[in-house]
């Protein structure tokens, strides 16, 4: 039996980690591992004031595809993942992910794979605005 994808969404509103954790919780799950990617105030030694994320129209479908691949792992019970787009301030959450399994090692591994695959494949681009007024696009093809 493979797991299920309970959330795979791209939003322009704040993300709720607790809602993702609750969505994957179930009685047979002995482990729920979650992750949130938070906007930090620096990148490669430069001060950052804000980030802007822009998503391709296929972003949500690709996010669901990645989540489905992780859910296909026989150890995974449920997967929930969301990415934010739009303008984000320092401290805002850009990515949330949660995975449930029977045991912690499998949950940690699955959640790490989920986050790594999202970062590698999701067509969402990031514009960083630096404290000196310059900006830079990251993860742009």
Foldseek 3Di string as FASTA:
>chain_A
DFAEEQAQEEEQDADDQVVQQVSQDDDLFPDKDKDWDFAAQDDPHFGFFKKAKDADPCQSVVSVVLLVVLRRPRQWHYKHKYAYGGIGGGGTTGIMIMTTGNDDVSRVVSNVSSVVCSVVDGRMKMWTQTPVGDIDIPPDD
